[in-house]
Amino acid sequence: QVQLVESGGGLVQPGGSLRLSCAASGSIFSIFSIYYMGWYRQAPGKKRELVAGITNNGSTNYSDSVKGRFTISRDNGKNMVYLQMNSLKPEDTAVYYCNVRGDQDYWGQGTQVTVSS
């Protein structure tokens, strides 16, 4: 089993920046099985959507809506994944969820990001 704890959400003005962090912990087998870490988001009344993902070898993918503004990174030694969000827009407002894939699919509890003036 893997437990995920997200942090870094909050209220920010349009054009501002936030950095989300997600810490993974759990059994050695489950942690070593992780091959993909990512961030999803869900806005009110909308489906959960992929924001960005990163594999063990550092390959990344981003949704078109955040390309050039968000950057995903990971620290394998610390079992952490980060999402640097710059030039935030009101439409980025959502609950952001950390997701890791290994022996199972795991989800964090979510952290609220609100972009508003």
N, C-alpha and C. Protein backbone atom coordinates (compact mmCIF):
# COMPACT_ATOMS: atom_id res chain seq x y z
N GLN A 1 0.83 -1.20 0.00
CA GLN A 1 0.00 0.00 0.00
C GLN A 1 0.87 1.26 0.00
N VAL A 2 0.35 2.31 -0.63
CA VAL A 2 1.03 3.60 -0.68
C VAL A 2 0.08 4.67 -0.15
N GLN A 3 0.61 5.51 0.69
CA GLN A 3 -0.14 6.67 1.16
C GLN A 3 0.45 7.93 0.53
N LEU A 4 -0.44 8.82 0.11
CA LEU A 4 -0.02 10.06 -0.54
C LEU A 4 -0.53 11.25 0.26
N VAL A 5 0.36 12.20 0.50
CA VAL A 5 -0.01 13.41 1.21
C VAL A 5 0.38 14.61 0.37
N GLU A 6 -0.62 15.39 -0.02
CA GLU A 6 -0.38 16.58 -0.84
C GLU A 6 -0.30 17.82 0.03
N SER A 7 0.42 18.81 -0.46
CA SER A 7 0.47 20.10 0.22
C SER A 7 0.78 21.18 -0.81
N GLY A 8 0.55 22.42 -0.41
CA GLY A 8 0.93 23.54 -1.25
C GLY A 8 -0.21 24.28 -1.92
N GLY A 9 -1.42 23.79 -1.77
CA GLY A 9 -2.54 24.50 -2.37
C GLY A 9 -2.84 25.80 -1.64
N GLY A 10 -3.77 26.56 -2.20
CA GLY A 10 -4.15 27.80 -1.55
C GLY A 10 -4.81 28.76 -2.51
N LEU A 11 -4.92 30.00 -2.06
CA LEU A 11 -5.52 31.07 -2.85
C LEU A 11 -4.42 31.94 -3.44
N VAL A 12 -4.52 32.20 -4.73
CA VAL A 12 -3.51 33.01 -5.41
C VAL A 12 -4.20 33.88 -6.44
N GLN A 13 -3.63 35.04 -6.68
CA GLN A 13 -4.18 35.94 -7.69
C GLN A 13 -3.81 35.47 -9.09
N PRO A 14 -4.61 35.83 -10.08
CA PRO A 14 -4.24 35.51 -11.46
C PRO A 14 -2.84 36.01 -11.79
N GLY A 15 -2.09 35.15 -12.49
CA GLY A 15 -0.70 35.49 -12.81
C GLY A 15 0.29 35.02 -11.76
N GLY A 16 -0.21 34.57 -10.63
CA GLY A 16 0.66 34.14 -9.56
C GLY A 16 1.15 32.71 -9.72
N SER A 17 1.86 32.24 -8.71
CA SER A 17 2.46 30.91 -8.77
C SER A 17 2.17 30.14 -7.48
N LEU A 18 2.13 28.83 -7.62
CA LEU A 18 2.04 27.92 -6.49
C LEU A 18 2.87 26.69 -6.80
N ARG A 19 3.33 26.04 -5.76
CA ARG A 19 4.04 24.77 -5.93
C ARG A 19 3.37 23.71 -5.07
N LEU A 20 2.89 22.69 -5.73
CA LEU A 20 2.28 21.56 -5.04
C LEU A 20 3.31 20.47 -4.80
N SER A 21 3.18 19.82 -3.66
CA SER A 21 4.07 18.71 -3.33
C SER A 21 3.23 17.49 -2.97
N CYS A 22 3.77 16.33 -3.25
CA CYS A 22 3.10 15.08 -2.89
C CYS A 22 4.16 14.11 -2.39
N ALA A 23 3.95 13.64 -1.17
CA ALA A 23 4.88 12.70 -0.56
C ALA A 23 4.25 11.31 -0.54
N ALA A 24 4.99 10.33 -1.05
CA ALA A 24 4.52 8.95 -1.06
C ALA A 24 5.24 8.16 0.01
N SER A 25 4.48 7.37 0.74
CA SER A 25 5.07 6.50 1.76
C SER A 25 4.29 5.19 1.77
N GLY A 26 4.91 4.16 2.36
CA GLY A 26 4.22 2.90 2.44
C GLY A 26 5.19 1.73 2.42
N SER A 27 4.69 0.60 2.03
CA SER A 27 5.52 -0.61 2.04
C SER A 27 6.62 -0.48 0.99
N ILE A 28 7.75 -1.12 1.29
CA ILE A 28 8.89 -1.04 0.38
C ILE A 28 8.52 -1.59 -0.99
N PHE A 29 7.80 -2.70 -1.00
CA PHE A 29 7.42 -3.29 -2.29
C PHE A 29 6.58 -2.33 -3.11
N SER A 30 5.59 -1.71 -2.47
CA SER A 30 4.71 -0.81 -3.20
C SER A 30 5.45 0.42 -3.69
N ILE A 31 6.31 0.98 -2.84
CA ILE A 31 7.06 2.17 -3.24
C ILE A 31 7.98 1.85 -4.42
N PHE A 32 8.67 0.72 -4.38
CA PHE A 32 9.59 0.37 -5.46
C PHE A 32 8.85 0.00 -6.74
N SER A 33 7.56 -0.28 -6.63
CA SER A 33 6.80 -0.64 -7.82
C SER A 33 6.32 0.59 -8.60
N ILE A 34 6.45 1.78 -8.00
CA ILE A 34 5.92 2.98 -8.66
C ILE A 34 6.69 3.27 -9.94
N TYR A 35 5.96 3.43 -11.03
CA TYR A 35 6.59 3.75 -12.31
C TYR A 35 6.10 5.05 -12.92
N TYR A 36 5.06 5.62 -12.30
CA TYR A 36 4.48 6.84 -12.86
C TYR A 36 3.90 7.65 -11.71
N MET A 37 4.14 8.97 -11.76
CA MET A 37 3.55 9.87 -10.78
C MET A 37 2.93 11.04 -11.53
N GLY A 38 1.79 11.47 -11.08
CA GLY A 38 1.12 12.53 -11.82
C GLY A 38 0.21 13.37 -10.96
N TRP A 39 -0.30 14.41 -11.60
CA TRP A 39 -1.27 15.31 -10.97
C TRP A 39 -2.52 15.38 -11.85
N TYR A 40 -3.65 15.28 -11.21
CA TYR A 40 -4.94 15.47 -11.85
C TYR A 40 -5.65 16.63 -11.15
N ARG A 41 -6.68 17.12 -11.76
CA ARG A 41 -7.48 18.14 -11.11
C ARG A 41 -8.95 17.96 -11.47
N GLN A 42 -9.79 18.45 -10.57
CA GLN A 42 -11.22 18.39 -10.80
C GLN A 42 -11.85 19.69 -10.34
N ALA A 43 -12.45 20.38 -11.29
CA ALA A 43 -13.17 21.61 -11.00
C ALA A 43 -14.63 21.27 -10.73
N PRO A 44 -15.34 22.14 -10.02
CA PRO A 44 -16.76 21.87 -9.71
C PRO A 44 -17.57 21.62 -10.98
N GLY A 45 -18.30 20.52 -10.98
CA GLY A 45 -19.15 20.18 -12.11
C GLY A 45 -18.44 19.60 -13.30
N LYS A 46 -17.13 19.36 -13.16
CA LYS A 46 -16.36 18.83 -14.29
C LYS A 46 -15.73 17.49 -13.91
N LYS A 47 -15.32 16.76 -14.94
CA LYS A 47 -14.65 15.49 -14.71
C LYS A 47 -13.21 15.72 -14.29
N ARG A 48 -12.67 14.74 -13.57
CA ARG A 48 -11.26 14.81 -13.21
C ARG A 48 -10.43 14.67 -14.48
N GLU A 49 -9.40 15.51 -14.60
CA GLU A 49 -8.58 15.50 -15.81
C GLU A 49 -7.09 15.47 -15.44
N LEU A 50 -6.33 14.88 -16.35
CA LEU A 50 -4.89 14.84 -16.17
C LEU A 50 -4.31 16.24 -16.36
N VAL A 51 -3.41 16.63 -15.46
CA VAL A 51 -2.68 17.88 -15.59
C VAL A 51 -1.28 17.60 -16.12
N ALA A 52 -0.56 16.71 -15.45
CA ALA A 52 0.81 16.40 -15.84
C ALA A 52 1.22 15.08 -15.22
N GLY A 53 2.17 14.40 -15.88
CA GLY A 53 2.67 13.14 -15.36
C GLY A 53 4.14 12.99 -15.66
N ILE A 54 4.79 12.13 -14.89
CA ILE A 54 6.22 11.90 -15.08
C ILE A 54 6.54 10.45 -14.76
N THR A 55 7.35 9.83 -15.63
CA THR A 55 7.73 8.44 -15.42
C THR A 55 9.03 8.35 -14.62
N ASN A 56 9.40 7.12 -14.32
CA ASN A 56 10.64 6.91 -13.55
C ASN A 56 11.87 7.43 -14.27
N ASN A 57 11.85 7.40 -15.61
CA ASN A 57 13.03 7.87 -16.36
C ASN A 57 12.94 9.34 -16.71
N GLY A 58 11.95 10.02 -16.15
CA GLY A 58 11.86 11.46 -16.33
C GLY A 58 11.03 11.95 -17.49
N SER A 59 10.45 11.05 -18.25
CA SER A 59 9.58 11.48 -19.35
C SER A 59 8.33 12.13 -18.79
N THR A 60 7.94 13.24 -19.39
CA THR A 60 6.80 14.00 -18.88
C THR A 60 5.72 14.15 -19.94
N ASN A 61 4.51 14.36 -19.47
CA ASN A 61 3.41 14.73 -20.36
C ASN A 61 2.53 15.73 -19.66
N TYR A 62 1.95 16.62 -20.44
CA TYR A 62 1.15 17.71 -19.91
C TYR A 62 -0.14 17.84 -20.72
N SER A 63 -1.18 18.33 -20.04
CA SER A 63 -2.37 18.68 -20.79
C SER A 63 -2.07 19.95 -21.58
N ASP A 64 -2.75 20.12 -22.69
CA ASP A 64 -2.50 21.30 -23.52
C ASP A 64 -2.77 22.59 -22.77
N SER A 65 -3.71 22.55 -21.83
CA SER A 65 -4.11 23.76 -21.13
C SER A 65 -3.04 24.30 -20.17
N VAL A 66 -2.06 23.46 -19.81
CA VAL A 66 -1.04 23.91 -18.85
C VAL A 66 0.36 23.93 -19.44
N LYS A 67 0.51 23.46 -20.66
CA LYS A 67 1.85 23.44 -21.27
C LYS A 67 2.46 24.83 -21.28
N GLY A 68 3.73 24.89 -20.88
CA GLY A 68 4.42 26.16 -20.86
C GLY A 68 4.23 26.95 -19.58
N ARG A 69 3.28 26.53 -18.75
CA ARG A 69 3.02 27.24 -17.48
C ARG A 69 3.32 26.37 -16.27
N PHE A 70 3.06 25.08 -16.39
CA PHE A 70 3.26 24.15 -15.27
C PHE A 70 4.46 23.25 -15.56
N THR A 71 5.15 22.87 -14.50
CA THR A 71 6.27 21.95 -14.63
C THR A 71 6.18 20.89 -13.55
N ILE A 72 6.22 19.63 -13.98
CA ILE A 72 6.21 18.52 -13.04
C ILE A 72 7.63 18.01 -12.85
N SER A 73 7.94 17.63 -11.63
CA SER A 73 9.26 17.06 -11.34
C SER A 73 9.11 16.05 -10.21
N ARG A 74 10.13 15.23 -10.05
CA ARG A 74 10.06 14.23 -8.99
C ARG A 74 11.44 14.02 -8.37
N ASP A 75 11.43 13.62 -7.13
CA ASP A 75 12.65 13.27 -6.41
C ASP A 75 12.48 11.81 -5.99
N ASN A 76 13.08 10.92 -6.75
CA ASN A 76 12.90 9.50 -6.48
C ASN A 76 13.47 9.10 -5.11
N GLY A 77 14.53 9.75 -4.72
CA GLY A 77 15.13 9.42 -3.43
C GLY A 77 14.23 9.72 -2.26
N LYS A 78 13.40 10.76 -2.43
CA LYS A 78 12.48 11.16 -1.37
C LYS A 78 11.05 10.72 -1.63
N ASN A 79 10.84 10.04 -2.77
CA ASN A 79 9.49 9.61 -3.13
C ASN A 79 8.52 10.79 -3.17
N MET A 80 8.97 11.85 -3.80
CA MET A 80 8.18 13.08 -3.88
C MET A 80 7.93 13.43 -5.34
N VAL A 81 6.78 14.05 -5.60
CA VAL A 81 6.49 14.62 -6.90
C VAL A 81 5.99 16.04 -6.67
N TYR A 82 6.38 16.94 -7.55
CA TYR A 82 6.06 18.35 -7.41
C TYR A 82 5.36 18.86 -8.67
N LEU A 83 4.58 19.91 -8.48
CA LEU A 83 3.97 20.59 -9.62
C LEU A 83 4.16 22.08 -9.41
N GLN A 84 5.05 22.66 -10.20
CA GLN A 84 5.25 24.10 -10.17
C GLN A 84 4.26 24.74 -11.14
N MET A 85 3.43 25.61 -10.61
CA MET A 85 2.38 26.22 -11.42
C MET A 85 2.63 27.72 -11.49
N ASN A 86 2.89 28.21 -12.69
CA ASN A 86 3.14 29.63 -12.92
C ASN A 86 2.05 30.20 -13.82
N SER A 87 1.97 31.52 -13.84
CA SER A 87 0.99 32.22 -14.68
C SER A 87 -0.40 31.63 -14.49
N LEU A 88 -0.79 31.47 -13.26
CA LEU A 88 -2.07 30.83 -12.96
C LEU A 88 -3.24 31.67 -13.45
N LYS A 89 -4.27 30.95 -13.89
CA LYS A 89 -5.48 31.57 -14.43
C LYS A 89 -6.68 31.13 -13.59
N PRO A 90 -7.75 31.91 -13.60
CA PRO A 90 -8.95 31.49 -12.85
C PRO A 90 -9.43 30.11 -13.24
N GLU A 91 -9.26 29.73 -14.50
CA GLU A 91 -9.71 28.41 -14.94
C GLU A 91 -8.84 27.27 -14.42
N ASP A 92 -7.75 27.60 -13.74
CA ASP A 92 -6.95 26.57 -13.09
C ASP A 92 -7.52 26.20 -11.71
N THR A 93 -8.52 26.93 -11.27
CA THR A 93 -9.14 26.65 -9.98
C THR A 93 -9.74 25.25 -9.97
N ALA A 94 -9.33 24.45 -9.00
CA ALA A 94 -9.78 23.06 -8.92
C ALA A 94 -9.18 22.42 -7.67
N VAL A 95 -9.65 21.23 -7.39
CA VAL A 95 -8.96 20.38 -6.41
C VAL A 95 -7.93 19.56 -7.19
N TYR A 96 -6.70 19.61 -6.72
CA TYR A 96 -5.61 18.91 -7.40
C TYR A 96 -5.27 17.64 -6.63
N TYR A 97 -5.18 16.55 -7.37
CA TYR A 97 -4.94 15.24 -6.78
C TYR A 97 -3.62 14.65 -7.27
N CYS A 98 -2.89 14.12 -6.35
CA CYS A 98 -1.68 13.37 -6.68
C CYS A 98 -2.08 11.93 -7.02
N ASN A 99 -1.45 11.38 -8.03
CA ASN A 99 -1.72 10.00 -8.45
C ASN A 99 -0.40 9.27 -8.70
N VAL A 100 -0.29 8.08 -8.17
CA VAL A 100 0.88 7.27 -8.49
C VAL A 100 0.40 5.90 -8.96
N ARG A 101 1.18 5.31 -9.86
CA ARG A 101 0.85 4.00 -10.41
C ARG A 101 2.00 3.05 -10.17
N GLY A 102 1.66 1.92 -9.61
CA GLY A 102 2.66 0.91 -9.33
C GLY A 102 1.96 -0.42 -9.28
N ASP A 103 2.02 -1.08 -8.13
CA ASP A 103 1.28 -2.33 -8.00
C ASP A 103 -0.22 -2.06 -8.04
N GLN A 104 -0.60 -0.85 -7.69
CA GLN A 104 -1.99 -0.39 -7.78
C GLN A 104 -1.98 1.08 -8.18
N ASP A 105 -3.18 1.58 -8.38
CA ASP A 105 -3.38 3.00 -8.66
C ASP A 105 -3.73 3.67 -7.34
N TYR A 106 -2.95 4.69 -6.96
CA TYR A 106 -3.17 5.35 -5.67
C TYR A 106 -3.48 6.83 -5.88
N TRP A 107 -4.32 7.37 -4.98
CA TRP A 107 -4.72 8.77 -5.06
C TRP A 107 -4.55 9.45 -3.71
N GLY A 108 -4.15 10.72 -3.77
CA GLY A 108 -4.12 11.53 -2.57
C GLY A 108 -5.50 12.07 -2.24
N GLN A 109 -5.57 12.82 -1.16
CA GLN A 109 -6.86 13.32 -0.70
C GLN A 109 -7.27 14.61 -1.42
N GLY A 110 -6.34 15.22 -2.11
CA GLY A 110 -6.63 16.44 -2.86
C GLY A 110 -6.26 17.70 -2.09
N THR A 111 -5.87 18.71 -2.84
CA THR A 111 -5.57 20.02 -2.27
C THR A 111 -6.21 21.09 -3.14
N GLN A 112 -6.87 22.04 -2.50
CA GLN A 112 -7.61 23.06 -3.24
C GLN A 112 -6.68 24.15 -3.74
N VAL A 113 -6.83 24.47 -5.01
CA VAL A 113 -6.15 25.61 -5.61
C VAL A 113 -7.22 26.56 -6.13
N THR A 114 -7.18 27.79 -5.65
CA THR A 114 -8.14 28.80 -6.07
C THR A 114 -7.39 29.99 -6.63
N VAL A 115 -7.72 30.33 -7.86
CA VAL A 115 -7.09 31.46 -8.53
C VAL A 115 -8.15 32.54 -8.70
N SER A 116 -7.99 33.61 -7.96
CA SER A 116 -9.02 34.66 -7.96
C SER A 116 -8.42 35.96 -7.48
N SER A 117 -8.95 37.05 -8.00
CA SER A 117 -8.53 38.38 -7.54
C SER A 117 -9.46 38.87 -6.45
